[in-house]
PDB file of N, CA and C in Angstrom:
ATOM      1  N   UNK A   1     -58.281   1.991  -7.495  1.00  0.00           N
ATOM      2  CA  UNK A   1     -57.344   1.338  -6.613  1.00  0.00           C
ATOM      3  C   UNK A   1     -57.448   1.884  -5.194  1.00  0.00           C
ATOM      4  N   UNK A   2     -57.582   3.199  -5.050  1.00  0.00           N
ATOM      5  CA  UNK A   2     -57.657   3.776  -3.710  1.00  0.00           C
ATOM      6  C   UNK A   2     -59.087   4.169  -3.334  1.00  0.00           C
ATOM      7  N   UNK A   3     -60.080   3.708  -4.059  1.00  0.00           N
ATOM      8  CA  UNK A   3     -61.466   4.047  -3.768  1.00  0.00           C
ATOM      9  C   UNK A   3     -62.054   3.077  -2.764  1.00  0.00           C
ATOM     10  N   UNK A   4     -61.395   2.920  -1.655  1.00  0.00           N
ATOM     11  CA  UNK A   4     -61.902   2.015  -0.638  1.00  0.00           C
ATOM     12  C   UNK A   4     -61.541   0.573  -0.898  1.00  0.00           C
ATOM     13  N   UNK A   5     -60.879   0.298  -1.992  1.00  0.00           N
ATOM     14  CA  UNK A   5     -60.500  -1.071  -2.309  1.00  0.00           C
ATOM     15  C   UNK A   5     -59.126  -1.407  -1.733  1.00  0.00           C
ATOM     16  N   UNK A   6     -58.725  -2.621  -1.937  1.00  0.00           N
ATOM     17  CA  UNK A   6     -57.412  -3.049  -1.465  1.00  0.00           C
ATOM     18  C   UNK A   6     -56.552  -3.392  -2.667  1.00  0.00           C
ATOM     19  N   UNK A   7     -55.269  -3.484  -2.403  1.00  0.00           N
ATOM     20  CA  UNK A   7     -54.351  -3.903  -3.462  1.00  0.00           C
ATOM     21  C   UNK A   7     -54.469  -5.406  -3.628  1.00  0.00           C
ATOM     22  N   UNK A   8     -54.525  -5.807  -4.840  1.00  0.00           N
ATOM     23  CA  UNK A   8     -54.512  -7.229  -5.110  1.00  0.00           C
ATOM     24  C   UNK A   8     -53.062  -7.695  -5.188  1.00  0.00           C
ATOM     25  N   UNK A   9     -52.868  -8.986  -5.083  1.00  0.00           N
ATOM     26  CA  UNK A   9     -51.514  -9.535  -5.118  1.00  0.00           C
ATOM     27  C   UNK A   9     -50.835  -9.220  -6.443  1.00  0.00           C
ATOM     28  N   UNK A  10     -51.576  -9.227  -7.528  1.00  0.00           N
ATOM     29  CA  UNK A  10     -50.972  -8.954  -8.831  1.00  0.00           C
ATOM     30  C   UNK A  10     -50.487  -7.507  -8.913  1.00  0.00           C
ATOM     31  N   UNK A  11     -51.201  -6.581  -8.298  1.00  0.00           N
ATOM     32  CA  UNK A  11     -50.766  -5.188  -8.293  1.00  0.00           C
ATOM     33  C   UNK A  11     -49.489  -5.027  -7.473  1.00  0.00           C
ATOM     34  N   UNK A  12     -49.399  -5.726  -6.370  1.00  0.00           N
ATOM     35  CA  UNK A  12     -48.201  -5.645  -5.541  1.00  0.00           C
ATOM     36  C   UNK A  12     -46.994  -6.213  -6.290  1.00  0.00           C
ATOM     37  N   UNK A  13     -47.206  -7.276  -7.044  1.00  0.00           N
ATOM     38  CA  UNK A  13     -46.107  -7.867  -7.812  1.00  0.00           C
ATOM     39  C   UNK A  13     -45.652  -6.897  -8.894  1.00  0.00           C
ATOM     40  N   UNK A  14     -46.561  -6.228  -9.542  1.00  0.00           N
ATOM     41  CA  UNK A  14     -46.212  -5.259 -10.577  1.00  0.00           C
ATOM     42  C   UNK A  14     -45.412  -4.114  -9.962  1.00  0.00           C
ATOM     43  N   UNK A  15     -45.847  -3.648  -8.820  1.00  0.00           N
ATOM     44  CA  UNK A  15     -45.124  -2.558  -8.141  1.00  0.00           C
ATOM     45  C   UNK A  15     -43.733  -3.029  -7.737  1.00  0.00           C
ATOM     46  N   UNK A  16     -43.630  -4.234  -7.210  1.00  0.00           N
ATOM     47  CA  UNK A  16     -42.334  -4.777  -6.806  1.00  0.00           C
ATOM     48  C   UNK A  16     -41.415  -4.920  -8.007  1.00  0.00           C
ATOM     49  N   UNK A  17     -41.932  -5.446  -9.101  1.00  0.00           N
ATOM     50  CA  UNK A  17     -41.107  -5.608 -10.298  1.00  0.00           C
ATOM     51  C   UNK A  17     -40.701  -4.275 -10.905  1.00  0.00           C
ATOM     52  N   UNK A  18     -41.493  -3.252 -10.672  1.00  0.00           N
ATOM     53  CA  UNK A  18     -41.160  -1.926 -11.171  1.00  0.00           C
ATOM     54  C   UNK A  18     -39.971  -1.345 -10.420  1.00  0.00           C
ATOM     55  N   UNK A  19     -39.957  -1.523  -9.111  1.00  0.00           N
ATOM     56  CA  UNK A  19     -38.897  -0.927  -8.302  1.00  0.00           C
ATOM     57  C   UNK A  19     -37.709  -1.855  -8.073  1.00  0.00           C
ATOM     58  N   UNK A  20     -37.801  -3.105  -8.462  1.00  0.00           N
ATOM     59  CA  UNK A  20     -36.727  -4.062  -8.240  1.00  0.00           C
ATOM     60  C   UNK A  20     -35.414  -3.658  -8.916  1.00  0.00           C
ATOM     61  N   UNK A  21     -35.396  -3.249 -10.174  1.00  0.00           N
ATOM     62  CA  UNK A  21     -34.115  -2.826 -10.774  1.00  0.00           C
ATOM     63  C   UNK A  21     -33.499  -1.615 -10.067  1.00  0.00           C
ATOM     64  N   UNK A  22     -34.338  -0.674  -9.658  1.00  0.00           N
ATOM     65  CA  UNK A  22     -33.839   0.509  -8.953  1.00  0.00           C
ATOM     66  C   UNK A  22     -33.211   0.101  -7.630  1.00  0.00           C
ATOM     67  N   UNK A  23     -33.865  -0.765  -6.907  1.00  0.00           N
ATOM     68  CA  UNK A  23     -33.340  -1.245  -5.625  1.00  0.00           C
ATOM     69  C   UNK A  23     -32.049  -2.019  -5.853  1.00  0.00           C
ATOM     70  N   UNK A  24     -32.005  -2.849  -6.885  1.00  0.00           N
ATOM     71  CA  UNK A  24     -30.807  -3.634  -7.194  1.00  0.00           C
ATOM     72  C   UNK A  24     -29.623  -2.719  -7.486  1.00  0.00           C
ATOM     73  N   UNK A  25     -29.813  -1.716  -8.339  1.00  0.00           N
ATOM     74  CA  UNK A  25     -28.720  -0.795  -8.670  1.00  0.00           C
ATOM     75  C   UNK A  25     -28.295   0.017  -7.457  1.00  0.00           C
ATOM     76  N   UNK A  26     -29.229   0.384  -6.613  1.00  0.00           N
ATOM     77  CA  UNK A  26     -28.898   1.133  -5.403  1.00  0.00           C
ATOM     78  C   UNK A  26     -28.049   0.286  -4.465  1.00  0.00           C
ATOM     79  N   UNK A  27     -28.445  -0.966  -4.258  1.00  0.00           N
ATOM     80  CA  UNK A  27     -27.675  -1.871  -3.396  1.00  0.00           C
ATOM     81  C   UNK A  27     -26.292  -2.111  -3.993  1.00  0.00           C
ATOM     82  N   UNK A  28     -26.219  -2.306  -5.293  1.00  0.00           N
ATOM     83  CA  UNK A  28     -24.939  -2.531  -5.960  1.00  0.00           C
ATOM     84  C   UNK A  28     -24.026  -1.313  -5.831  1.00  0.00           C
ATOM     85  N   UNK A  29     -24.565  -0.126  -5.969  1.00  0.00           N
ATOM     86  CA  UNK A  29     -23.786   1.099  -5.824  1.00  0.00           C
ATOM     87  C   UNK A  29     -23.273   1.263  -4.405  1.00  0.00           C
ATOM     88  N   UNK A  30     -24.118   1.017  -3.423  1.00  0.00           N
ATOM     89  CA  UNK A  30     -23.701   1.134  -2.019  1.00  0.00           C
ATOM     90  C   UNK A  30     -22.605   0.111  -1.719  1.00  0.00           C
ATOM     91  N   UNK A  31     -22.748  -1.107  -2.209  1.00  0.00           N
ATOM     92  CA  UNK A  31     -21.717  -2.121  -1.999  1.00  0.00           C
ATOM     93  C   UNK A  31     -20.404  -1.703  -2.655  1.00  0.00           C
ATOM     94  N   UNK A  32     -20.468  -1.137  -3.843  1.00  0.00           N
ATOM     95  CA  UNK A  32     -19.264  -0.673  -4.540  1.00  0.00           C
ATOM     96  C   UNK A  32     -18.550   0.415  -3.772  1.00  0.00           C
ATOM     97  N   UNK A  33     -19.295   1.377  -3.254  1.00  0.00           N
ATOM     98  CA  UNK A  33     -18.695   2.457  -2.456  1.00  0.00           C
ATOM     99  C   UNK A  33     -18.080   1.890  -1.189  1.00  0.00           C
ATOM    100  N   UNK A  34     -18.767   0.981  -0.516  1.00  0.00           N
ATOM    101  CA  UNK A  34     -18.246   0.344   0.702  1.00  0.00           C
ATOM    102  C   UNK A  34     -16.947  -0.400   0.400  1.00  0.00           C
ATOM    103  N   UNK A  35     -16.920  -1.144  -0.713  1.00  0.00           N
ATOM    104  CA  UNK A  35     -15.743  -1.912  -1.084  1.00  0.00           C
ATOM    105  C   UNK A  35     -14.552  -0.991  -1.352  1.00  0.00           C
ATOM    106  N   UNK A  36     -14.769   0.106  -2.069  1.00  0.00           N
ATOM    107  CA  UNK A  36     -13.688   1.043  -2.376  1.00  0.00           C
ATOM    108  C   UNK A  36     -13.138   1.665  -1.099  1.00  0.00           C
ATOM    109  N   UNK A  37     -14.001   2.033  -0.164  1.00  0.00           N
ATOM    110  CA  UNK A  37     -13.555   2.620   1.098  1.00  0.00           C
ATOM    111  C   UNK A  37     -12.721   1.614   1.881  1.00  0.00           C
ATOM    112  N   UNK A  38     -13.160   0.358   1.931  1.00  0.00           N
ATOM    113  CA  UNK A  38     -12.406  -0.675   2.648  1.00  0.00           C
ATOM    114  C   UNK A  38     -11.036  -0.909   2.010  1.00  0.00           C
ATOM    115  N   UNK A  39     -10.978  -0.917   0.680  1.00  0.00           N
ATOM    116  CA  UNK A  39      -9.697  -1.122  -0.009  1.00  0.00           C
ATOM    117  C   UNK A  39      -8.751   0.041   0.279  1.00  0.00           C
ATOM    118  N   UNK A  40      -9.259   1.262   0.273  1.00  0.00           N
ATOM    119  CA  UNK A  40      -8.415   2.428   0.553  1.00  0.00           C
ATOM    120  C   UNK A  40      -7.881   2.369   1.975  1.00  0.00           C
ATOM    121  N   UNK A  41      -8.727   2.013   2.942  1.00  0.00           N
ATOM    122  CA  UNK A  41      -8.260   1.900   4.330  1.00  0.00           C
ATOM    123  C   UNK A  41      -7.212   0.801   4.463  1.00  0.00           C
ATOM    124  N   UNK A  42      -7.423  -0.327   3.793  1.00  0.00           N
ATOM    125  CA  UNK A  42      -6.452  -1.420   3.847  1.00  0.00           C
ATOM    126  C   UNK A  42      -5.117  -0.990   3.249  1.00  0.00           C
ATOM    127  N   UNK A  43      -5.156  -0.314   2.110  1.00  0.00           N
ATOM    128  CA  UNK A  43      -3.909   0.112   1.466  1.00  0.00           C
ATOM    129  C   UNK A  43      -3.162   1.131   2.317  1.00  0.00           C
ATOM    130  N   UNK A  44      -3.876   2.016   3.003  1.00  0.00           N
ATOM    131  CA  UNK A  44      -3.213   2.971   3.891  1.00  0.00           C
ATOM    132  C   UNK A  44      -2.529   2.248   5.045  1.00  0.00           C
ATOM    133  N   UNK A  45      -3.199   1.272   5.633  1.00  0.00           N
ATOM    134  CA  UNK A  45      -2.602   0.510   6.733  1.00  0.00           C
ATOM    135  C   UNK A  45      -1.410  -0.301   6.230  1.00  0.00           C
ATOM    136  N   UNK A  46      -1.525  -0.871   5.053  1.00  0.00           N
ATOM    137  CA  UNK A  46      -0.424  -1.659   4.487  1.00  0.00           C
ATOM    138  C   UNK A  46       0.783  -0.771   4.206  1.00  0.00           C
ATOM    139  N   UNK A  47       0.563   0.408   3.678  1.00  0.00           N
ATOM    140  CA  UNK A  47       1.658   1.329   3.406  1.00  0.00           C
ATOM    141  C   UNK A  47       2.375   1.709   4.697  1.00  0.00           C
ATOM    142  N   UNK A  48       1.605   1.956   5.739  1.00  0.00           N
ATOM    143  CA  UNK A  48       2.203   2.326   7.027  1.00  0.00           C
ATOM    144  C   UNK A  48       3.034   1.168   7.586  1.00  0.00           C
ATOM    145  N   UNK A  49       2.510  -0.047   7.534  1.00  0.00           N
ATOM    146  CA  UNK A  49       3.254  -1.191   8.064  1.00  0.00           C
ATOM    147  C   UNK A  49       4.491  -1.484   7.213  1.00  0.00           C
ATOM    148  N   UNK A  50       4.406  -1.276   5.900  1.00  0.00           N
ATOM    149  CA  UNK A  50       5.570  -1.465   5.033  1.00  0.00           C
ATOM    150  C   UNK A  50       6.664  -0.445   5.358  1.00  0.00           C
ATOM    151  N   UNK A  51       6.274   0.789   5.634  1.00  0.00           N
ATOM    152  CA  UNK A  51       7.254   1.810   5.994  1.00  0.00           C
ATOM    153  C   UNK A  51       7.942   1.451   7.309  1.00  0.00           C
ATOM    154  N   UNK A  52       7.165   0.983   8.290  1.00  0.00           N
ATOM    155  CA  UNK A  52       7.754   0.582   9.573  1.00  0.00           C
ATOM    156  C   UNK A  52       8.716  -0.588   9.385  1.00  0.00           C
ATOM    157  N   UNK A  53       8.354  -1.560   8.557  1.00  0.00           N
ATOM    158  CA  UNK A  53       9.220  -2.703   8.293  1.00  0.00           C
ATOM    159  C   UNK A  53      10.511  -2.270   7.617  1.00  0.00           C
ATOM    160  N   UNK A  54      10.411  -1.356   6.650  1.00  0.00           N
ATOM    161  CA  UNK A  54      11.599  -0.876   5.957  1.00  0.00           C
ATOM    162  C   UNK A  54      12.537  -0.129   6.910  1.00  0.00           C
ATOM    163  N   UNK A  55      11.972   0.634   7.854  1.00  0.00           N
ATOM    164  CA  UNK A  55      12.805   1.326   8.837  1.00  0.00           C
ATOM    165  C   UNK A  55      13.534   0.322   9.728  1.00  0.00           C
ATOM    166  N   UNK A  56      12.864  -0.732  10.134  1.00  0.00           N
ATOM    167  CA  UNK A  56      13.501  -1.755  10.969  1.00  0.00           C
ATOM    168  C   UNK A  56      14.592  -2.487  10.200  1.00  0.00           C
ATOM    169  N   UNK A  57      14.355  -2.755   8.925  1.00  0.00           N
ATOM    170  CA  UNK A  57      15.372  -3.425   8.102  1.00  0.00           C
ATOM    171  C   UNK A  57      16.599  -2.532   7.968  1.00  0.00           C
ATOM    172  N   UNK A  58      16.388  -1.225   7.774  1.00  0.00           N
ATOM    173  CA  UNK A  58      17.512  -0.293   7.681  1.00  0.00           C
ATOM    174  C   UNK A  58      18.316  -0.283   8.975  1.00  0.00           C
ATOM    175  N   UNK A  59      17.631  -0.308  10.118  1.00  0.00           N
ATOM    176  CA  UNK A  59      18.331  -0.351  11.406  1.00  0.00           C
ATOM    177  C   UNK A  59      19.136  -1.639  11.535  1.00  0.00           C
ATOM    178  N   UNK A  60      18.575  -2.767  11.113  1.00  0.00           N
ATOM    179  CA  UNK A  60      19.308  -4.035  11.171  1.00  0.00           C
ATOM    180  C   UNK A  60      20.534  -4.008  10.268  1.00  0.00           C
ATOM    181  N   UNK A  61      20.403  -3.424   9.099  1.00  0.00           N
ATOM    182  CA  UNK A  61      21.546  -3.332   8.182  1.00  0.00           C
ATOM    183  C   UNK A  61      22.650  -2.488   8.813  1.00  0.00           C
ATOM    184  N   UNK A  62      22.286  -1.400   9.460  1.00  0.00           N
ATOM    185  CA  UNK A  62      23.284  -0.552  10.120  1.00  0.00           C
ATOM    186  C   UNK A  62      24.001  -1.330  11.222  1.00  0.00           C
ATOM    187  N   UNK A  63      23.256  -2.096  12.024  1.00  0.00           N
ATOM    188  CA  UNK A  63      23.858  -2.865  13.109  1.00  0.00           C
ATOM    189  C   UNK A  63      24.790  -3.939  12.551  1.00  0.00           C
ATOM    190  N   UNK A  64      24.375  -4.605  11.493  1.00  0.00           N
ATOM    191  CA  UNK A  64      25.215  -5.639  10.883  1.00  0.00           C
ATOM    192  C   UNK A  64      26.486  -5.013  10.316  1.00  0.00           C
ATOM    193  N   UNK A  65      26.373  -3.862   9.664  1.00  0.00           N
ATOM    194  CA  UNK A  65      27.540  -3.194   9.093  1.00  0.00           C
ATOM    195  C   UNK A  65      28.503  -2.735  10.183  1.00  0.00           C
ATOM    196  N   UNK A  66      27.964  -2.256  11.301  1.00  0.00           N
ATOM    197  CA  UNK A  66      28.813  -1.852  12.422  1.00  0.00           C
ATOM    198  C   UNK A  66      29.532  -3.057  13.012  1.00  0.00           C
ATOM    199  N   UNK A  67      28.865  -4.188  13.077  1.00  0.00           N
ATOM    200  CA  UNK A  67      29.471  -5.416  13.576  1.00  0.00           C
ATOM    201  C   UNK A  67      30.606  -5.896  12.680  1.00  0.00           C
ATOM    202  N   UNK A  68      30.458  -5.740  11.392  1.00  0.00           N
ATOM    203  CA  UNK A  68      31.503  -6.148  10.446  1.00  0.00           C
ATOM    204  C   UNK A  68      32.711  -5.232  10.543  1.00  0.00           C
ATOM    205  N   UNK A  69      32.512  -3.961  10.825  1.00  0.00           N
ATOM    206  CA  UNK A  69      33.621  -2.996  10.914  1.00  0.00           C
ATOM    207  C   UNK A  69      34.464  -3.250  12.153  1.00  0.00           C
ATOM    208  N   UNK A  70      33.843  -3.711  13.234  1.00  0.00           N
ATOM    209  CA  UNK A  70      34.582  -3.924  14.484  1.00  0.00           C
ATOM    210  C   UNK A  70      35.385  -5.211  14.461  1.00  0.00           C
ATOM    211  N   UNK A  71      35.085  -6.105  13.555  1.00  0.00           N
ATOM    212  CA  UNK A  71      35.797  -7.395  13.514  1.00  0.00           C
ATOM    213  C   UNK A  71      37.126  -7.290  12.868  1.00  0.00           C
TER     214      UNK A  71
END
């Protein structure tokens, strides 16, 4: 194969088919890690926005209760 000759198309296909499952699993693993990181970042942002919303709702409840007491 390396004695001054060239690779034939059939040899290249065999090499490609040999490494194709490895490449597929590697791509799938990288995509899985990327997806998990994105979900974690989204959940952290959602938790923060939910906490801010709950604080605003508590402030509104206090204002409404104060308004009812003055009437």
